[in-house]
């Protein structure tokens, strides 16, 4: 990762730099930076885990994977990083900030088009004729990067790019659709399941984009935190995996 690219993305990191002034990590504290789409599932996993481990707490930081990775690169303390795209784990690996030896895939997901229940979408290419479409910013939001690839491979990127409404993360894109600010939004299937105000209009054909995967790893700091190491193992255990499946994630 070149210096120019990192400097160019500084604005994306600003919103999260408040975390840098957080209190020093206390004994028994696990700091977790994870993709926004995992919020509900990871909160429930923590709720199951913590009563069995008195004195341990989990401090969550949810957001766009690219923003989270750059926060860590700029000094944000984190024990576990879970991305919605491999490139951001690779980015931190290149900076020698994660323990890549234990990296693994937590789960998989898929991209869908959501919109008002009255809308109909017969094929993905029809979006070229629609109005505003909400997508996560491809520079930092994996869902937006997957969406950009799908539009490009479908041959409609020039038509839709000029009417994008870019969002800070995939949940913000969903909110645009829920409020009726856009004709459609591209989000993960798991996000769509959480909203009663929109419906899935179309599952984006898998051949149009790379498989949505959630790679995770302990950071170099986290590998030295025994509580983080234990929680990291729990994330891969059957009980935690069943919670992920309940929220619609596909298990590895």
C-alpha atoms as a PDB file:
ATOM      1  CA  UNK A   1       0.000   0.000   0.000  1.00  0.00           C
ATOM      2  CA  UNK A   2       1.663   3.235  -1.171  1.00  0.00           C
ATOM      3  CA  UNK A   3       1.865   6.373   0.903  1.00  0.00           C
ATOM      4  CA  UNK A   4      -0.164   8.382  -1.626  1.00  0.00           C
ATOM      5  CA  UNK A   5      -3.080   5.951  -1.417  1.00  0.00           C
ATOM      6  CA  UNK A   6      -3.081   6.078   2.382  1.00  0.00           C
ATOM      7  CA  UNK A   7      -2.940   9.872   2.433  1.00  0.00           C
ATOM      8  CA  UNK A   8      -5.701  10.048  -0.160  1.00  0.00           C
ATOM      9  CA  UNK A   9      -7.972   8.096   2.128  1.00  0.00           C
ATOM     10  CA  UNK A  10      -7.302  10.227   5.185  1.00  0.00           C
ATOM     11  CA  UNK A  11     -10.766  11.811   5.029  1.00  0.00           C
ATOM     12  CA  UNK A  12     -12.347   8.395   5.427  1.00  0.00           C
ATOM     13  CA  UNK A  13     -10.505   7.865   8.676  1.00  0.00           C
ATOM     14  CA  UNK A  14     -11.330  11.186  10.310  1.00  0.00           C
ATOM     15  CA  UNK A  15     -14.760  10.102  11.500  1.00  0.00           C
ATOM     16  CA  UNK A  16     -13.278   7.254  13.468  1.00  0.00           C
ATOM     17  CA  UNK A  17     -10.298   8.975  14.997  1.00  0.00           C
ATOM     18  CA  UNK A  18     -12.280   9.787  18.117  1.00  0.00           C
ATOM     19  CA  UNK A  19     -11.631   6.200  19.137  1.00  0.00           C
ATOM     20  CA  UNK A  20      -7.937   7.020  19.448  1.00  0.00           C
ATOM     21  CA  UNK A  21      -8.673   8.980  22.604  1.00  0.00           C
ATOM     22  CA  UNK A  22     -10.541   6.089  24.228  1.00  0.00           C
ATOM     23  CA  UNK A  23      -9.366   4.994  27.683  1.00  0.00           C
ATOM     24  CA  UNK A  24      -6.536   2.494  27.852  1.00  0.00           C
ATOM     25  CA  UNK A  25      -7.641  -1.097  27.533  1.00  0.00           C
ATOM     26  CA  UNK A  26      -8.388  -2.664  30.903  1.00  0.00           C
ATOM     27  CA  UNK A  27      -7.647  -6.201  32.011  1.00  0.00           C
ATOM     28  CA  UNK A  28     -10.167  -8.598  30.530  1.00  0.00           C
ATOM     29  CA  UNK A  29     -11.212  -6.221  27.738  1.00  0.00           C
ATOM     30  CA  UNK A  30     -11.458  -7.411  24.135  1.00  0.00           C
ATOM     31  CA  UNK A  31     -11.583  -4.765  21.411  1.00  0.00           C
ATOM     32  CA  UNK A  32     -13.326  -5.851  18.222  1.00  0.00           C
ATOM     33  CA  UNK A  33     -13.376  -3.926  14.922  1.00  0.00           C
ATOM     34  CA  UNK A  34     -15.867  -5.533  12.539  1.00  0.00           C
ATOM     35  CA  UNK A  35     -17.864  -4.890   9.380  1.00  0.00           C
ATOM     36  CA  UNK A  36     -21.175  -3.114  10.035  1.00  0.00           C
ATOM     37  CA  UNK A  37     -23.184  -5.960   8.512  1.00  0.00           C
ATOM     38  CA  UNK A  38     -22.098  -8.233  11.364  1.00  0.00           C
ATOM     39  CA  UNK A  39     -23.392  -5.983  14.148  1.00  0.00           C
ATOM     40  CA  UNK A  40     -26.461  -7.887  15.347  1.00  0.00           C
ATOM     41  CA  UNK A  41     -24.887 -11.324  15.031  1.00  0.00           C
ATOM     42  CA  UNK A  42     -21.690 -10.353  16.859  1.00  0.00           C
ATOM     43  CA  UNK A  43     -23.619  -8.582  19.606  1.00  0.00           C
ATOM     44  CA  UNK A  44     -25.625 -11.751  20.216  1.00  0.00           C
ATOM     45  CA  UNK A  45     -22.488 -13.893  20.162  1.00  0.00           C
ATOM     46  CA  UNK A  46     -20.942 -11.614  22.788  1.00  0.00           C
ATOM     47  CA  UNK A  47     -24.127 -11.803  24.872  1.00  0.00           C
ATOM     48  CA  UNK A  48     -23.797 -15.589  24.915  1.00  0.00           C
ATOM     49  CA  UNK A  49     -20.067 -15.580  25.613  1.00  0.00           C
ATOM     50  CA  UNK A  50     -19.650 -12.927  28.290  1.00  0.00           C
ATOM     51  CA  UNK A  51     -21.822 -14.406  31.113  1.00  0.00           C
ATOM     52  CA  UNK A  52     -19.555 -17.447  31.048  1.00  0.00           C
ATOM     53  CA  UNK A  53     -16.433 -15.286  31.411  1.00  0.00           C
ATOM     54  CA  UNK A  54     -16.860 -12.955  34.407  1.00  0.00           C
ATOM     55  CA  UNK A  55     -14.569  -9.947  34.299  1.00  0.00           C
ATOM     56  CA  UNK A  56     -14.281 -10.000  30.498  1.00  0.00           C
ATOM     57  CA  UNK A  57     -15.872  -7.305  28.309  1.00  0.00           C
ATOM     58  CA  UNK A  58     -16.069  -6.732  24.567  1.00  0.00           C
ATOM     59  CA  UNK A  59     -15.720  -3.225  23.134  1.00  0.00           C
ATOM     60  CA  UNK A  60     -17.189  -3.127  19.623  1.00  0.00           C
ATOM     61  CA  UNK A  61     -16.334  -0.809  16.748  1.00  0.00           C
ATOM     62  CA  UNK A  62     -18.603  -1.427  13.751  1.00  0.00           C
ATOM     63  CA  UNK A  63     -18.267   0.339  10.411  1.00  0.00           C
ATOM     64  CA  UNK A  64     -17.034   0.156   6.841  1.00  0.00           C
ATOM     65  CA  UNK A  65     -14.180  -2.336   6.592  1.00  0.00           C
ATOM     66  CA  UNK A  66     -11.880   0.098   4.815  1.00  0.00           C
ATOM     67  CA  UNK A  67     -12.391   2.796   7.424  1.00  0.00           C
ATOM     68  CA  UNK A  68     -11.806   0.312  10.259  1.00  0.00           C
ATOM     69  CA  UNK A  69      -8.604  -0.969   8.666  1.00  0.00           C
ATOM     70  CA  UNK A  70      -7.247   2.541   8.262  1.00  0.00           C
ATOM     71  CA  UNK A  71      -8.194   3.410  11.835  1.00  0.00           C
ATOM     72  CA  UNK A  72      -6.097   0.456  13.006  1.00  0.00           C
ATOM     73  CA  UNK A  73      -3.285   1.529  10.696  1.00  0.00           C
ATOM     74  CA  UNK A  74      -3.394   4.979  12.309  1.00  0.00           C
ATOM     75  CA  UNK A  75      -3.193   3.628  15.842  1.00  0.00           C
ATOM     76  CA  UNK A  76      -6.666   2.510  16.905  1.00  0.00           C
ATOM     77  CA  UNK A  77      -6.324  -0.312  19.432  1.00  0.00           C
ATOM     78  CA  UNK A  78      -8.036  -3.498  18.261  1.00  0.00           C
ATOM     79  CA  UNK A  79      -7.600  -7.151  19.177  1.00  0.00           C
ATOM     80  CA  UNK A  80      -9.723  -8.736  16.442  1.00  0.00           C
ATOM     81  CA  UNK A  81     -10.435  -7.416  12.953  1.00  0.00           C
ATOM     82  CA  UNK A  82     -13.268  -8.839  10.818  1.00  0.00           C
ATOM     83  CA  UNK A  83     -13.593  -7.451   7.304  1.00  0.00           C
ATOM     84  CA  UNK A  84     -16.252  -7.882   4.638  1.00  0.00           C
ATOM     85  CA  UNK A  85     -13.556  -8.096   1.955  1.00  0.00           C
ATOM     86  CA  UNK A  86     -10.131  -9.800   1.899  1.00  0.00           C
ATOM     87  CA  UNK A  87      -8.351  -6.690   0.630  1.00  0.00           C
ATOM     88  CA  UNK A  88      -8.604  -4.927   3.999  1.00  0.00           C
ATOM     89  CA  UNK A  89      -7.159  -7.836   5.917  1.00  0.00           C
ATOM     90  CA  UNK A  90      -4.400  -7.961   3.291  1.00  0.00           C
ATOM     91  CA  UNK A  91      -3.861  -4.226   3.819  1.00  0.00           C
ATOM     92  CA  UNK A  92      -3.274  -4.693   7.548  1.00  0.00           C
ATOM     93  CA  UNK A  93      -1.100  -7.737   6.898  1.00  0.00           C
ATOM     94  CA  UNK A  94       1.085  -5.614   4.640  1.00  0.00           C
ATOM     95  CA  UNK A  95       1.463  -3.164   7.519  1.00  0.00           C
ATOM     96  CA  UNK A  96       2.431  -6.026   9.879  1.00  0.00           C
ATOM     97  CA  UNK A  97      -0.578  -5.259  12.075  1.00  0.00           C
ATOM     98  CA  UNK A  98      -2.374  -8.615  12.045  1.00  0.00           C
ATOM     99  CA  UNK A  99      -1.343 -12.140  12.965  1.00  0.00           C
ATOM    100  CA  UNK A 100      -1.973 -13.665   9.540  1.00  0.00           C
ATOM    101  CA  UNK A 101      -0.973 -17.161  10.659  1.00  0.00           C
ATOM    102  CA  UNK A 102      -4.360 -17.667  12.293  1.00  0.00           C
ATOM    103  CA  UNK A 103      -6.508 -15.784   9.770  1.00  0.00           C
ATOM    104  CA  UNK A 104      -9.671 -17.554   8.678  1.00  0.00           C
ATOM    105  CA  UNK A 105     -13.068 -17.006   7.048  1.00  0.00           C
ATOM    106  CA  UNK A 106     -15.839 -16.341   9.555  1.00  0.00           C
ATOM    107  CA  UNK A 107     -18.768 -16.492   7.112  1.00  0.00           C
ATOM    108  CA  UNK A 108     -20.070 -15.656   3.642  1.00  0.00           C
ATOM    109  CA  UNK A 109     -22.876 -13.433   2.346  1.00  0.00           C
ATOM    110  CA  UNK A 110     -24.484 -12.382  -0.930  1.00  0.00           C
ATOM    111  CA  UNK A 111     -25.456  -9.116  -2.586  1.00  0.00           C
ATOM    112  CA  UNK A 112     -29.116  -8.223  -3.226  1.00  0.00           C
ATOM    113  CA  UNK A 113     -31.101  -5.313  -4.606  1.00  0.00           C
ATOM    114  CA  UNK A 114     -33.705  -3.967  -2.179  1.00  0.00           C
ATOM    115  CA  UNK A 115     -36.436  -1.396  -2.656  1.00  0.00           C
ATOM    116  CA  UNK A 116     -40.050  -0.552  -1.872  1.00  0.00           C
ATOM    117  CA  UNK A 117     -42.417  -3.563  -1.831  1.00  0.00           C
ATOM    118  CA  UNK A 118     -44.335  -2.114  -4.795  1.00  0.00           C
ATOM    119  CA  UNK A 119     -41.257  -2.149  -7.042  1.00  0.00           C
ATOM    120  CA  UNK A 120     -40.499  -4.944  -9.504  1.00  0.00           C
ATOM    121  CA  UNK A 121     -37.087  -5.743 -10.976  1.00  0.00           C
ATOM    122  CA  UNK A 122     -36.920  -8.499 -13.584  1.00  0.00           C
ATOM    123  CA  UNK A 123     -33.197  -8.442 -14.297  1.00  0.00           C
ATOM    124  CA  UNK A 124     -30.150  -6.682 -12.896  1.00  0.00           C
ATOM    125  CA  UNK A 125     -29.473  -4.748 -16.104  1.00  0.00           C
ATOM    126  CA  UNK A 126     -32.848  -3.005 -15.773  1.00  0.00           C
ATOM    127  CA  UNK A 127     -31.339  -0.830 -13.031  1.00  0.00           C
ATOM    128  CA  UNK A 128     -29.749   1.233 -15.813  1.00  0.00           C
ATOM    129  CA  UNK A 129     -33.154   2.849 -16.372  1.00  0.00           C
ATOM    130  CA  UNK A 130     -33.984   3.410 -12.697  1.00  0.00           C
ATOM    131  CA  UNK A 131     -33.536   6.534 -10.607  1.00  0.00           C
ATOM    132  CA  UNK A 132     -31.135   7.003  -7.673  1.00  0.00           C
ATOM    133  CA  UNK A 133     -29.461   3.866  -6.336  1.00  0.00           C
ATOM    134  CA  UNK A 134     -27.778   3.712  -2.930  1.00  0.00           C
ATOM    135  CA  UNK A 135     -24.463   1.891  -2.664  1.00  0.00           C
ATOM    136  CA  UNK A 136     -21.665   1.962  -0.139  1.00  0.00           C
ATOM    137  CA  UNK A 137     -18.683   4.037  -1.202  1.00  0.00           C
ATOM    138  CA  UNK A 138     -16.516   1.583  -3.203  1.00  0.00           C
ATOM    139  CA  UNK A 139     -13.356   3.199  -1.787  1.00  0.00           C
ATOM    140  CA  UNK A 140     -14.015   1.923   1.719  1.00  0.00           C
ATOM    141  CA  UNK A 141     -17.223  -0.131   1.809  1.00  0.00           C
ATOM    142  CA  UNK A 142     -16.908  -3.713   0.521  1.00  0.00           C
ATOM    143  CA  UNK A 143     -20.624  -3.872  -0.382  1.00  0.00           C
ATOM    144  CA  UNK A 144     -20.032  -0.860  -2.606  1.00  0.00           C
ATOM    145  CA  UNK A 145     -16.977  -2.481  -4.156  1.00  0.00           C
ATOM    146  CA  UNK A 146     -18.946  -5.652  -4.885  1.00  0.00           C
ATOM    147  CA  UNK A 147     -21.767  -3.517  -6.326  1.00  0.00           C
ATOM    148  CA  UNK A 148     -19.367  -1.591  -8.548  1.00  0.00           C
ATOM    149  CA  UNK A 149     -17.965  -4.869  -9.898  1.00  0.00           C
ATOM    150  CA  UNK A 150     -21.483  -6.174 -10.564  1.00  0.00           C
ATOM    151  CA  UNK A 151     -22.490  -3.032 -12.465  1.00  0.00           C
ATOM    152  CA  UNK A 152     -19.274  -3.121 -14.482  1.00  0.00           C
ATOM    153  CA  UNK A 153     -19.565  -6.798 -15.374  1.00  0.00           C
ATOM    154  CA  UNK A 154     -23.226  -6.329 -16.289  1.00  0.00           C
ATOM    155  CA  UNK A 155     -22.202  -3.547 -18.675  1.00  0.00           C
ATOM    156  CA  UNK A 156     -24.272  -0.814 -16.983  1.00  0.00           C
ATOM    157  CA  UNK A 157     -21.709   0.980 -14.820  1.00  0.00           C
ATOM    158  CA  UNK A 158     -21.661   4.210 -16.904  1.00  0.00           C
ATOM    159  CA  UNK A 159     -25.457   4.421 -16.694  1.00  0.00           C
ATOM    160  CA  UNK A 160     -25.781   3.914 -12.952  1.00  0.00           C
ATOM    161  CA  UNK A 161     -22.590   5.526 -11.650  1.00  0.00           C
ATOM    162  CA  UNK A 162     -23.825   9.055 -12.313  1.00  0.00           C
ATOM    163  CA  UNK A 163     -26.911   8.509 -10.153  1.00  0.00           C
ATOM    164  CA  UNK A 164     -25.293   6.702  -7.238  1.00  0.00           C
ATOM    165  CA  UNK A 165     -26.055   7.865  -3.735  1.00  0.00           C
ATOM    166  CA  UNK A 166     -22.918   6.870  -1.856  1.00  0.00           C
ATOM    167  CA  UNK A 167     -23.149   5.835   1.777  1.00  0.00           C
ATOM    168  CA  UNK A 168     -20.615   5.498   4.587  1.00  0.00           C
ATOM    169  CA  UNK A 169     -21.413   1.798   5.077  1.00  0.00           C
ATOM    170  CA  UNK A 170     -23.883  -0.844   3.931  1.00  0.00           C
ATOM    171  CA  UNK A 171     -26.368  -0.056   6.712  1.00  0.00           C
ATOM    172  CA  UNK A 172     -26.554   3.561   5.613  1.00  0.00           C
ATOM    173  CA  UNK A 173     -27.369   2.393   2.066  1.00  0.00           C
ATOM    174  CA  UNK A 174     -30.200   0.310   3.500  1.00  0.00           C
ATOM    175  CA  UNK A 175     -31.526   3.353   5.379  1.00  0.00           C
ATOM    176  CA  UNK A 176     -31.701   5.355   2.143  1.00  0.00           C
ATOM    177  CA  UNK A 177     -33.966   2.662   0.715  1.00  0.00           C
ATOM    178  CA  UNK A 178     -36.057   2.454   3.886  1.00  0.00           C
ATOM    179  CA  UNK A 179     -36.743   6.212   3.792  1.00  0.00           C
ATOM    180  CA  UNK A 180     -37.631   6.138   0.105  1.00  0.00           C
ATOM    181  CA  UNK A 181     -34.756   8.451  -0.803  1.00  0.00           C
ATOM    182  CA  UNK A 182     -33.692   6.112  -3.615  1.00  0.00           C
ATOM    183  CA  UNK A 183     -35.352   3.704  -6.037  1.00  0.00           C
ATOM    184  CA  UNK A 184     -33.133   0.858  -4.846  1.00  0.00           C
ATOM    185  CA  UNK A 185     -30.085  -0.018  -2.764  1.00  0.00           C
ATOM    186  CA  UNK A 186     -27.474  -2.733  -3.058  1.00  0.00           C
ATOM    187  CA  UNK A 187     -26.919  -4.399   0.314  1.00  0.00           C
ATOM    188  CA  UNK A 188     -26.206  -7.825   1.733  1.00  0.00           C
ATOM    189  CA  UNK A 189     -28.987 -10.365   2.075  1.00  0.00           C
ATOM    190  CA  UNK A 190     -28.455 -10.385   5.850  1.00  0.00           C
ATOM    191  CA  UNK A 191     -29.105  -6.627   6.007  1.00  0.00           C
ATOM    192  CA  UNK A 192     -32.282  -6.951   3.956  1.00  0.00           C
ATOM    193  CA  UNK A 193     -33.600  -9.552   6.413  1.00  0.00           C
ATOM    194  CA  UNK A 194     -33.490  -6.981   9.203  1.00  0.00           C
ATOM    195  CA  UNK A 195     -35.771  -4.445   7.530  1.00  0.00           C
ATOM    196  CA  UNK A 196     -39.587  -4.749   7.275  1.00  0.00           C
ATOM    197  CA  UNK A 197     -39.766  -1.602   5.127  1.00  0.00           C
ATOM    198  CA  UNK A 198     -38.021  -2.930   2.031  1.00  0.00           C
ATOM    199  CA  UNK A 199     -37.988  -6.232   0.218  1.00  0.00           C
ATOM    200  CA  UNK A 200     -35.460  -8.088  -1.863  1.00  0.00           C
ATOM    201  CA  UNK A 201     -36.203  -7.212  -5.482  1.00  0.00           C
ATOM    202  CA  UNK A 202     -33.410  -9.319  -6.950  1.00  0.00           C
ATOM    203  CA  UNK A 203     -30.479 -11.445  -5.859  1.00  0.00           C
ATOM    204  CA  UNK A 204     -27.485 -10.091  -7.777  1.00  0.00           C
ATOM    205  CA  UNK A 205     -26.179 -12.887 -10.037  1.00  0.00           C
ATOM    206  CA  UNK A 206     -23.139 -14.397  -8.337  1.00  0.00           C
ATOM    207  CA  UNK A 207     -21.113 -14.428 -11.554  1.00  0.00           C
ATOM    208  CA  UNK A 208     -21.112 -10.614 -11.617  1.00  0.00           C
ATOM    209  CA  UNK A 209     -18.957 -10.122  -8.514  1.00  0.00           C
ATOM    210  CA  UNK A 210     -16.572 -11.967  -6.230  1.00  0.00           C
ATOM    211  CA  UNK A 211     -17.966 -14.011  -3.366  1.00  0.00           C
ATOM    212  CA  UNK A 212     -18.701 -11.934  -0.285  1.00  0.00           C
ATOM    213  CA  UNK A 213     -16.453 -13.306   2.439  1.00  0.00           C
ATOM    214  CA  UNK A 214     -15.656 -12.190   5.973  1.00  0.00           C
ATOM    215  CA  UNK A 215     -11.989 -12.893   6.698  1.00  0.00           C
ATOM    216  CA  UNK A 216     -10.874 -12.282  10.262  1.00  0.00           C
ATOM    217  CA  UNK A 217      -7.661 -12.311  12.229  1.00  0.00           C
ATOM    218  CA  UNK A 218      -6.208 -11.398  15.567  1.00  0.00           C
ATOM    219  CA  UNK A 219      -4.139  -8.274  15.422  1.00  0.00           C
ATOM    220  CA  UNK A 220      -0.531  -8.471  16.574  1.00  0.00           C
ATOM    221  CA  UNK A 221      -1.738  -6.827  19.778  1.00  0.00           C
ATOM    222  CA  UNK A 222      -4.677  -9.222  20.095  1.00  0.00           C
ATOM    223  CA  UNK A 223      -2.487 -12.291  19.716  1.00  0.00           C
ATOM    224  CA  UNK A 224      -0.909 -11.285  23.056  1.00  0.00           C
ATOM    225  CA  UNK A 225      -4.294 -10.899  24.776  1.00  0.00           C
ATOM    226  CA  UNK A 226      -5.373 -14.300  26.120  1.00  0.00           C
ATOM    227  CA  UNK A 227      -9.007 -13.180  26.418  1.00  0.00           C
ATOM    228  CA  UNK A 228      -9.045 -12.074  22.793  1.00  0.00           C
ATOM    229  CA  UNK A 229      -7.471 -15.361  21.706  1.00  0.00           C
ATOM    230  CA  UNK A 230     -10.172 -17.292  23.561  1.00  0.00           C
ATOM    231  CA  UNK A 231     -13.004 -15.190  22.116  1.00  0.00           C
ATOM    232  CA  UNK A 232     -11.496 -15.529  18.627  1.00  0.00           C
ATOM    233  CA  UNK A 233     -11.684 -19.308  19.021  1.00  0.00           C
ATOM    234  CA  UNK A 234     -15.304 -19.042  20.202  1.00  0.00           C
ATOM    235  CA  UNK A 235     -16.228 -17.143  17.030  1.00  0.00           C
ATOM    236  CA  UNK A 236     -15.255 -20.263  15.096  1.00  0.00           C
ATOM    237  CA  UNK A 237     -17.077 -22.690  17.397  1.00  0.00           C
ATOM    238  CA  UNK A 238     -20.388 -24.329  16.531  1.00  0.00           C
ATOM    239  CA  UNK A 239     -22.439 -22.201  18.929  1.00  0.00           C
ATOM    240  CA  UNK A 240     -21.254 -18.899  17.477  1.00  0.00           C
ATOM    241  CA  UNK A 241     -21.560 -20.233  13.954  1.00  0.00           C
ATOM    242  CA  UNK A 242     -25.181 -21.217  14.580  1.00  0.00           C
ATOM    243  CA  UNK A 243     -25.932 -17.617  15.579  1.00  0.00           C
ATOM    244  CA  UNK A 244     -24.377 -16.379  12.352  1.00  0.00           C
ATOM    245  CA  UNK A 245     -26.516 -18.835  10.402  1.00  0.00           C
ATOM    246  CA  UNK A 246     -29.618 -17.590  12.208  1.00  0.00           C
ATOM    247  CA  UNK A 247     -28.945 -14.117  10.843  1.00  0.00           C
ATOM    248  CA  UNK A 248     -28.616 -15.488   7.314  1.00  0.00           C
ATOM    249  CA  UNK A 249     -24.853 -15.754   6.936  1.00  0.00           C
ATOM    250  CA  UNK A 250     -23.508 -18.717   5.000  1.00  0.00           C
ATOM    251  CA  UNK A 251     -21.057 -20.788   7.024  1.00  0.00           C
ATOM    252  CA  UNK A 252     -17.622 -21.765   5.664  1.00  0.00           C
END
